């Protein structure tokens, strides 16, 4: 695996961890009927999930390119 792919995998994992933390916080606030804070944490969790998905896709792309496979982005150039 390329160093770049590994870095993206690490970033994806970090964002998944952050998303899980915010989902737990959202659940706690929801149980306390603090819906505004729950919504804030749920929204933040979604942002981290979005970034995790991006890094996972970049890792896959980097891995494919490292092994000489064409990607959709490379095919458009």
C-alpha atoms as a PDB file:
ATOM      1  CA  UNK A   1       0.000   0.000   0.000  1.00  0.00           C
ATOM      2  CA  UNK A   2       1.294   3.445  -0.811  1.00  0.00           C
ATOM      3  CA  UNK A   3       2.117   5.894   1.957  1.00  0.00           C
ATOM      4  CA  UNK A   4      -0.574   8.239   0.618  1.00  0.00           C
ATOM      5  CA  UNK A   5      -3.231   5.491   0.762  1.00  0.00           C
ATOM      6  CA  UNK A   6      -2.226   4.626   4.326  1.00  0.00           C
ATOM      7  CA  UNK A   7      -2.512   8.274   5.367  1.00  0.00           C
ATOM      8  CA  UNK A   8      -6.015   8.451   3.906  1.00  0.00           C
ATOM      9  CA  UNK A   9      -6.987   5.246   5.735  1.00  0.00           C
ATOM     10  CA  UNK A  10      -5.759   6.761   9.008  1.00  0.00           C
ATOM     11  CA  UNK A  11      -7.692   9.981   8.365  1.00  0.00           C
ATOM     12  CA  UNK A  12     -10.842   8.003   7.523  1.00  0.00           C
ATOM     13  CA  UNK A  13     -10.526   6.051  10.775  1.00  0.00           C
ATOM     14  CA  UNK A  14     -10.028   9.262  12.775  1.00  0.00           C
ATOM     15  CA  UNK A  15     -13.146  10.806  11.260  1.00  0.00           C
ATOM     16  CA  UNK A  16     -15.150   7.644  11.967  1.00  0.00           C
ATOM     17  CA  UNK A  17     -13.987   7.814  15.596  1.00  0.00           C
ATOM     18  CA  UNK A  18     -15.037  11.456  15.830  1.00  0.00           C
ATOM     19  CA  UNK A  19     -18.406  10.652  14.250  1.00  0.00           C
ATOM     20  CA  UNK A  20     -18.991   7.866  16.777  1.00  0.00           C
ATOM     21  CA  UNK A  21     -18.161  10.241  19.631  1.00  0.00           C
ATOM     22  CA  UNK A  22     -20.676  12.808  18.362  1.00  0.00           C
ATOM     23  CA  UNK A  23     -23.354  10.154  17.875  1.00  0.00           C
ATOM     24  CA  UNK A  24     -22.864   9.071  21.518  1.00  0.00           C
ATOM     25  CA  UNK A  25     -23.112  12.707  22.620  1.00  0.00           C
ATOM     26  CA  UNK A  26     -26.259  13.182  20.539  1.00  0.00           C
ATOM     27  CA  UNK A  27     -27.820  10.150  22.209  1.00  0.00           C
ATOM     28  CA  UNK A  28     -26.955  11.457  25.691  1.00  0.00           C
ATOM     29  CA  UNK A  29     -28.448  14.876  24.960  1.00  0.00           C
ATOM     30  CA  UNK A  30     -31.534  13.345  23.384  1.00  0.00           C
ATOM     31  CA  UNK A  31     -32.132  11.222  26.502  1.00  0.00           C
ATOM     32  CA  UNK A  32     -31.965  14.434  28.548  1.00  0.00           C
ATOM     33  CA  UNK A  33     -34.509  16.094  26.228  1.00  0.00           C
ATOM     34  CA  UNK A  34     -31.829  18.570  25.136  1.00  0.00           C
ATOM     35  CA  UNK A  35     -32.787  18.324  21.493  1.00  0.00           C
ATOM     36  CA  UNK A  36     -30.853  21.370  20.281  1.00  0.00           C
ATOM     37  CA  UNK A  37     -27.550  19.935  21.527  1.00  0.00           C
ATOM     38  CA  UNK A  38     -28.520  16.492  20.241  1.00  0.00           C
ATOM     39  CA  UNK A  39     -29.145  17.943  16.795  1.00  0.00           C
ATOM     40  CA  UNK A  40     -25.837  19.824  16.892  1.00  0.00           C
ATOM     41  CA  UNK A  41     -23.902  16.639  17.699  1.00  0.00           C
ATOM     42  CA  UNK A  42     -25.822  14.629  15.098  1.00  0.00           C
ATOM     43  CA  UNK A  43     -25.014  17.257  12.465  1.00  0.00           C
ATOM     44  CA  UNK A  44     -21.344  17.284  13.466  1.00  0.00           C
ATOM     45  CA  UNK A  45     -21.282  13.485  13.266  1.00  0.00           C
ATOM     46  CA  UNK A  46     -22.606  13.666   9.708  1.00  0.00           C
ATOM     47  CA  UNK A  47     -19.817  16.074   8.786  1.00  0.00           C
ATOM     48  CA  UNK A  48     -17.201  13.679  10.120  1.00  0.00           C
ATOM     49  CA  UNK A  49     -18.838  10.817   8.247  1.00  0.00           C
ATOM     50  CA  UNK A  50     -18.665  12.851   5.049  1.00  0.00           C
ATOM     51  CA  UNK A  51     -14.933  13.455   5.565  1.00  0.00           C
ATOM     52  CA  UNK A  52     -14.353   9.785   6.428  1.00  0.00           C
ATOM     53  CA  UNK A  53     -16.069   8.724   3.201  1.00  0.00           C
ATOM     54  CA  UNK A  54     -13.928  11.177   1.232  1.00  0.00           C
ATOM     55  CA  UNK A  55     -10.699   9.848   2.749  1.00  0.00           C
ATOM     56  CA  UNK A  56     -11.774   6.237   2.178  1.00  0.00           C
ATOM     57  CA  UNK A  57     -12.419   7.004  -1.496  1.00  0.00           C
ATOM     58  CA  UNK A  58      -9.068   8.777  -1.806  1.00  0.00           C
ATOM     59  CA  UNK A  59      -7.337   5.791  -0.190  1.00  0.00           C
ATOM     60  CA  UNK A  60      -8.962   3.419  -2.681  1.00  0.00           C
ATOM     61  CA  UNK A  61      -8.022   5.696  -5.575  1.00  0.00           C
ATOM     62  CA  UNK A  62      -4.426   6.006  -4.364  1.00  0.00           C
ATOM     63  CA  UNK A  63      -4.173   2.245  -3.864  1.00  0.00           C
ATOM     64  CA  UNK A  64      -5.495   1.558  -7.368  1.00  0.00           C
ATOM     65  CA  UNK A  65      -3.162   4.082  -8.965  1.00  0.00           C
ATOM     66  CA  UNK A  66      -0.213   2.694  -6.988  1.00  0.00           C
ATOM     67  CA  UNK A  67      -0.912  -0.709  -8.547  1.00  0.00           C
ATOM     68  CA  UNK A  68      -1.320   0.679 -12.052  1.00  0.00           C
ATOM     69  CA  UNK A  69      -5.114   0.529 -12.282  1.00  0.00           C
ATOM     70  CA  UNK A  70      -6.940   3.341 -13.992  1.00  0.00           C
ATOM     71  CA  UNK A  71      -9.489   5.295 -11.982  1.00  0.00           C
ATOM     72  CA  UNK A  72     -12.451   7.277 -13.287  1.00  0.00           C
ATOM     73  CA  UNK A  73     -10.666  10.565 -12.553  1.00  0.00           C
ATOM     74  CA  UNK A  74      -7.507   9.415 -14.342  1.00  0.00           C
ATOM     75  CA  UNK A  75      -9.535   8.296 -17.359  1.00  0.00           C
ATOM     76  CA  UNK A  76     -11.012  11.780 -17.810  1.00  0.00           C
ATOM     77  CA  UNK A  77      -7.666  13.552 -18.131  1.00  0.00           C
END
